[in-house]
């Protein structure tokens, strides 16, 4: 219900958060992706879930409040690899 309330006013920016089950999470991610393509909305998502990050058009990695890496669009297997590279740096 909270997602529907957030989207009904067609805001420019929507930030989905929460710890959801895999089925619900997948449905919400598809809804968010659809809102981007159909309504031109921007979705800002903070996640450590590579599958969730993989739907993004742009993936930014932050450290100490700063962008430390921008890998653009990536698959769910590329996200953990990029995270490991950051750990080594």
N, C-alpha and C. Protein backbone atom coordinates (compact mmCIF):
# COMPACT_ATOMS: atom_id res chain seq x y z
N UNK A 1 0.82 -1.19 0.00
CA UNK A 1 0.00 0.00 0.00
C UNK A 1 0.87 1.26 0.00
N UNK A 2 1.96 1.22 0.74
CA UNK A 2 2.83 2.39 0.80
C UNK A 2 3.42 2.73 -0.57
N UNK A 3 3.75 1.69 -1.35
CA UNK A 3 4.29 1.92 -2.69
C UNK A 3 3.23 2.60 -3.56
N UNK A 4 2.00 2.11 -3.50
CA UNK A 4 0.91 2.71 -4.30
C UNK A 4 0.72 4.17 -3.92
N UNK A 5 0.73 4.47 -2.63
CA UNK A 5 0.57 5.86 -2.18
C UNK A 5 1.71 6.73 -2.67
N UNK A 6 2.92 6.17 -2.70
CA UNK A 6 4.09 6.93 -3.14
C UNK A 6 4.03 7.22 -4.64
N UNK A 7 3.43 6.31 -5.42
CA UNK A 7 3.42 6.46 -6.88
C UNK A 7 2.21 7.21 -7.42
N UNK A 8 1.12 7.25 -6.66
CA UNK A 8 -0.12 7.82 -7.18
C UNK A 8 0.01 9.28 -7.60
N UNK A 9 0.87 10.03 -6.93
CA UNK A 9 1.05 11.44 -7.29
C UNK A 9 2.07 11.63 -8.40
N UNK A 10 2.60 10.51 -8.94
CA UNK A 10 3.59 10.52 -10.02
C UNK A 10 4.77 11.44 -9.72
N UNK A 11 5.45 11.21 -8.60
CA UNK A 11 6.59 12.07 -8.25
C UNK A 11 7.75 11.88 -9.22
N UNK A 12 8.61 12.85 -9.26
CA UNK A 12 9.79 12.78 -10.11
C UNK A 12 10.78 11.76 -9.57
N UNK A 13 10.91 11.66 -8.25
CA UNK A 13 11.85 10.74 -7.61
C UNK A 13 11.10 9.88 -6.60
N UNK A 14 11.34 8.57 -6.65
CA UNK A 14 10.76 7.61 -5.69
C UNK A 14 11.91 6.81 -5.12
N UNK A 15 11.94 6.64 -3.81
CA UNK A 15 13.00 5.86 -3.17
C UNK A 15 12.39 4.66 -2.47
N UNK A 16 12.45 3.46 -3.07
CA UNK A 16 11.88 2.27 -2.42
C UNK A 16 12.85 1.74 -1.37
N UNK A 17 12.35 1.41 -0.21
CA UNK A 17 13.19 0.84 0.84
C UNK A 17 12.43 -0.28 1.51
N UNK A 18 13.14 -1.09 2.26
CA UNK A 18 12.48 -2.13 3.04
C UNK A 18 13.12 -3.47 2.83
N UNK A 19 12.83 -4.37 3.74
CA UNK A 19 13.33 -5.73 3.69
C UNK A 19 12.15 -6.62 3.34
N UNK A 20 12.04 -7.01 2.05
CA UNK A 20 10.90 -7.75 1.57
C UNK A 20 11.29 -9.17 1.21
N UNK A 21 10.30 -10.06 1.13
CA UNK A 21 10.53 -11.42 0.66
C UNK A 21 10.92 -11.39 -0.81
N UNK A 22 11.50 -12.48 -1.31
CA UNK A 22 12.01 -12.49 -2.68
C UNK A 22 10.93 -12.27 -3.72
N UNK A 23 9.74 -12.85 -3.54
CA UNK A 23 8.66 -12.68 -4.52
C UNK A 23 8.17 -11.23 -4.52
N UNK A 24 7.90 -10.69 -3.35
CA UNK A 24 7.43 -9.32 -3.24
C UNK A 24 8.49 -8.35 -3.72
N UNK A 25 9.73 -8.61 -3.36
CA UNK A 25 10.83 -7.76 -3.79
C UNK A 25 10.92 -7.71 -5.31
N UNK A 26 10.82 -8.86 -5.95
CA UNK A 26 10.87 -8.94 -7.41
C UNK A 26 9.71 -8.16 -8.03
N UNK A 27 8.52 -8.28 -7.47
CA UNK A 27 7.36 -7.55 -7.98
C UNK A 27 7.54 -6.05 -7.84
N UNK A 28 8.07 -5.60 -6.71
CA UNK A 28 8.30 -4.17 -6.47
C UNK A 28 9.37 -3.65 -7.43
N UNK A 29 10.43 -4.42 -7.64
CA UNK A 29 11.47 -4.01 -8.57
C UNK A 29 10.93 -3.87 -9.99
N UNK A 30 10.07 -4.80 -10.40
CA UNK A 30 9.45 -4.70 -11.73
C UNK A 30 8.56 -3.46 -11.82
N UNK A 31 7.82 -3.17 -10.75
CA UNK A 31 6.98 -1.98 -10.71
C UNK A 31 7.83 -0.72 -10.80
N UNK A 32 8.93 -0.69 -10.07
CA UNK A 32 9.81 0.47 -10.11
C UNK A 32 10.42 0.65 -11.50
N UNK A 33 10.82 -0.45 -12.12
CA UNK A 33 11.40 -0.38 -13.45
C UNK A 33 10.35 0.13 -14.45
N UNK A 34 9.12 -0.32 -14.29
CA UNK A 34 8.04 0.13 -15.18
C UNK A 34 7.76 1.62 -15.00
N UNK A 35 7.82 2.10 -13.76
CA UNK A 35 7.58 3.53 -13.52
C UNK A 35 8.64 4.39 -14.18
N UNK A 36 9.86 3.86 -14.26
CA UNK A 36 10.94 4.59 -14.93
C UNK A 36 10.67 4.66 -16.43
N UNK A 37 10.35 3.52 -17.03
CA UNK A 37 10.18 3.50 -18.48
C UNK A 37 8.88 4.16 -18.93
N UNK A 38 7.80 3.96 -18.20
CA UNK A 38 6.51 4.49 -18.64
C UNK A 38 6.26 5.94 -18.23
N UNK A 39 6.77 6.34 -17.07
CA UNK A 39 6.46 7.68 -16.56
C UNK A 39 7.68 8.59 -16.48
N UNK A 40 8.84 8.09 -16.86
CA UNK A 40 10.04 8.91 -16.82
C UNK A 40 10.49 9.26 -15.41
N UNK A 41 10.11 8.42 -14.45
CA UNK A 41 10.50 8.67 -13.06
C UNK A 41 11.91 8.18 -12.80
N UNK A 42 12.50 8.69 -11.75
CA UNK A 42 13.82 8.26 -11.31
C UNK A 42 13.65 7.44 -10.04
N UNK A 43 14.27 6.29 -9.99
CA UNK A 43 14.26 5.46 -8.78
C UNK A 43 15.64 5.50 -8.16
N UNK A 44 15.70 5.88 -6.90
CA UNK A 44 16.95 5.88 -6.15
C UNK A 44 16.85 4.72 -5.17
N UNK A 45 17.80 3.81 -5.24
CA UNK A 45 17.72 2.62 -4.41
C UNK A 45 19.06 2.40 -3.72
N UNK A 46 19.01 2.16 -2.44
CA UNK A 46 20.21 1.80 -1.69
C UNK A 46 20.06 0.33 -1.35
N UNK A 47 21.00 -0.49 -1.83
CA UNK A 47 20.86 -1.93 -1.63
C UNK A 47 22.21 -2.62 -1.62
N UNK A 48 22.26 -3.77 -0.99
CA UNK A 48 23.44 -4.63 -1.07
C UNK A 48 23.08 -5.90 -1.83
N UNK A 49 21.90 -5.91 -2.48
CA UNK A 49 21.40 -7.05 -3.23
C UNK A 49 21.81 -6.90 -4.70
N UNK A 50 22.74 -7.72 -5.19
CA UNK A 50 23.20 -7.61 -6.58
C UNK A 50 22.07 -7.74 -7.60
N UNK A 51 21.08 -8.58 -7.31
CA UNK A 51 19.96 -8.75 -8.23
C UNK A 51 19.14 -7.46 -8.33
N UNK A 52 18.93 -6.81 -7.21
CA UNK A 52 18.20 -5.54 -7.22
C UNK A 52 19.00 -4.47 -7.94
N UNK A 53 20.29 -4.41 -7.69
CA UNK A 53 21.14 -3.41 -8.33
C UNK A 53 21.21 -3.62 -9.84
N UNK A 54 21.11 -4.87 -10.28
CA UNK A 54 21.25 -5.19 -11.70
C UNK A 54 20.13 -4.62 -12.57
N UNK A 55 19.00 -4.24 -11.98
CA UNK A 55 17.94 -3.65 -12.81
C UNK A 55 18.20 -2.18 -13.09
N UNK A 56 19.16 -1.61 -12.39
CA UNK A 56 19.43 -0.18 -12.51
C UNK A 56 20.11 0.16 -13.83
N UNK A 57 19.86 1.37 -14.31
CA UNK A 57 20.53 1.88 -15.50
C UNK A 57 21.92 2.40 -15.14
N UNK A 58 22.12 2.69 -13.85
CA UNK A 58 23.39 3.24 -13.38
C UNK A 58 23.61 2.77 -11.95
N UNK A 59 24.79 2.24 -11.68
CA UNK A 59 25.12 1.76 -10.34
C UNK A 59 26.30 2.56 -9.82
N UNK A 60 26.08 3.19 -8.70
CA UNK A 60 27.12 3.98 -8.04
C UNK A 60 27.50 3.30 -6.74
N UNK A 61 28.78 3.29 -6.43
CA UNK A 61 29.25 2.78 -5.16
C UNK A 61 29.69 3.96 -4.32
N UNK A 62 29.24 3.98 -3.08
CA UNK A 62 29.57 5.07 -2.17
C UNK A 62 30.45 4.58 -1.04
N UNK A 63 31.34 5.44 -0.59
CA UNK A 63 32.16 5.19 0.59
C UNK A 63 32.35 6.53 1.29
N UNK A 64 32.05 6.55 2.55
CA UNK A 64 32.18 7.77 3.34
C UNK A 64 31.43 8.94 2.72
N UNK A 65 30.25 8.65 2.15
CA UNK A 65 29.40 9.70 1.59
C UNK A 65 29.83 10.21 0.23
N UNK A 66 30.79 9.54 -0.39
CA UNK A 66 31.29 9.98 -1.71
C UNK A 66 31.17 8.85 -2.73
N UNK A 67 30.95 9.22 -3.98
CA UNK A 67 30.92 8.23 -5.06
C UNK A 67 32.36 7.79 -5.32
N UNK A 68 32.60 6.48 -5.19
CA UNK A 68 33.95 5.96 -5.40
C UNK A 68 34.04 5.11 -6.67
N UNK A 69 32.90 4.75 -7.23
CA UNK A 69 32.89 3.98 -8.48
C UNK A 69 31.54 4.09 -9.15
N UNK A 70 31.53 4.18 -10.47
CA UNK A 70 30.32 4.23 -11.27
C UNK A 70 30.48 3.18 -12.36
N UNK A 71 29.69 2.12 -12.29
CA UNK A 71 29.84 1.07 -13.31
C UNK A 71 28.70 1.08 -14.32
N UNK A 72 27.85 2.08 -14.28
CA UNK A 72 26.77 2.13 -15.25
C UNK A 72 25.85 0.95 -15.09
N UNK A 73 25.35 0.39 -16.17
CA UNK A 73 24.48 -0.78 -16.12
C UNK A 73 25.34 -2.03 -16.00
N UNK A 74 24.92 -2.97 -15.16
CA UNK A 74 25.71 -4.18 -14.95
C UNK A 74 24.79 -5.34 -14.61
N UNK A 75 25.25 -6.54 -14.88
CA UNK A 75 24.51 -7.75 -14.53
C UNK A 75 24.70 -8.08 -13.06
N UNK A 76 23.83 -8.96 -12.56
CA UNK A 76 23.89 -9.28 -11.12
C UNK A 76 25.19 -9.95 -10.71
N UNK A 77 25.94 -10.52 -11.65
CA UNK A 77 27.23 -11.14 -11.32
C UNK A 77 28.36 -10.12 -11.35
N UNK A 78 28.16 -9.04 -12.08
CA UNK A 78 29.17 -7.99 -12.16
C UNK A 78 29.20 -7.12 -10.91
N UNK A 79 28.06 -7.00 -10.25
CA UNK A 79 27.97 -6.12 -9.06
C UNK A 79 28.86 -6.64 -7.93
N UNK A 80 28.77 -7.93 -7.55
CA UNK A 80 29.66 -8.40 -6.48
C UNK A 80 31.14 -8.30 -6.86
N UNK A 81 31.44 -8.53 -8.14
CA UNK A 81 32.84 -8.41 -8.60
C UNK A 81 33.34 -6.99 -8.41
N UNK A 82 32.49 -6.01 -8.74
CA UNK A 82 32.87 -4.61 -8.55
C UNK A 82 33.04 -4.30 -7.07
N UNK A 83 32.19 -4.89 -6.24
CA UNK A 83 32.29 -4.68 -4.79
C UNK A 83 33.61 -5.24 -4.26
N UNK A 84 34.02 -6.41 -4.74
CA UNK A 84 35.28 -7.02 -4.31
C UNK A 84 36.47 -6.14 -4.69
N UNK A 85 36.41 -5.55 -5.89
CA UNK A 85 37.50 -4.66 -6.32
C UNK A 85 37.61 -3.46 -5.39
N UNK A 86 36.47 -2.97 -4.91
CA UNK A 86 36.49 -1.85 -3.99
C UNK A 86 37.12 -2.24 -2.66
N UNK A 87 36.82 -3.47 -2.21
CA UNK A 87 37.38 -3.95 -0.95
C UNK A 87 38.90 -4.06 -1.01
N UNK A 88 39.42 -4.38 -2.20
CA UNK A 88 40.86 -4.55 -2.37
C UNK A 88 41.60 -3.22 -2.50
N UNK A 89 40.85 -2.20 -2.91
CA UNK A 89 41.49 -0.89 -3.15
C UNK A 89 41.87 -0.19 -1.87
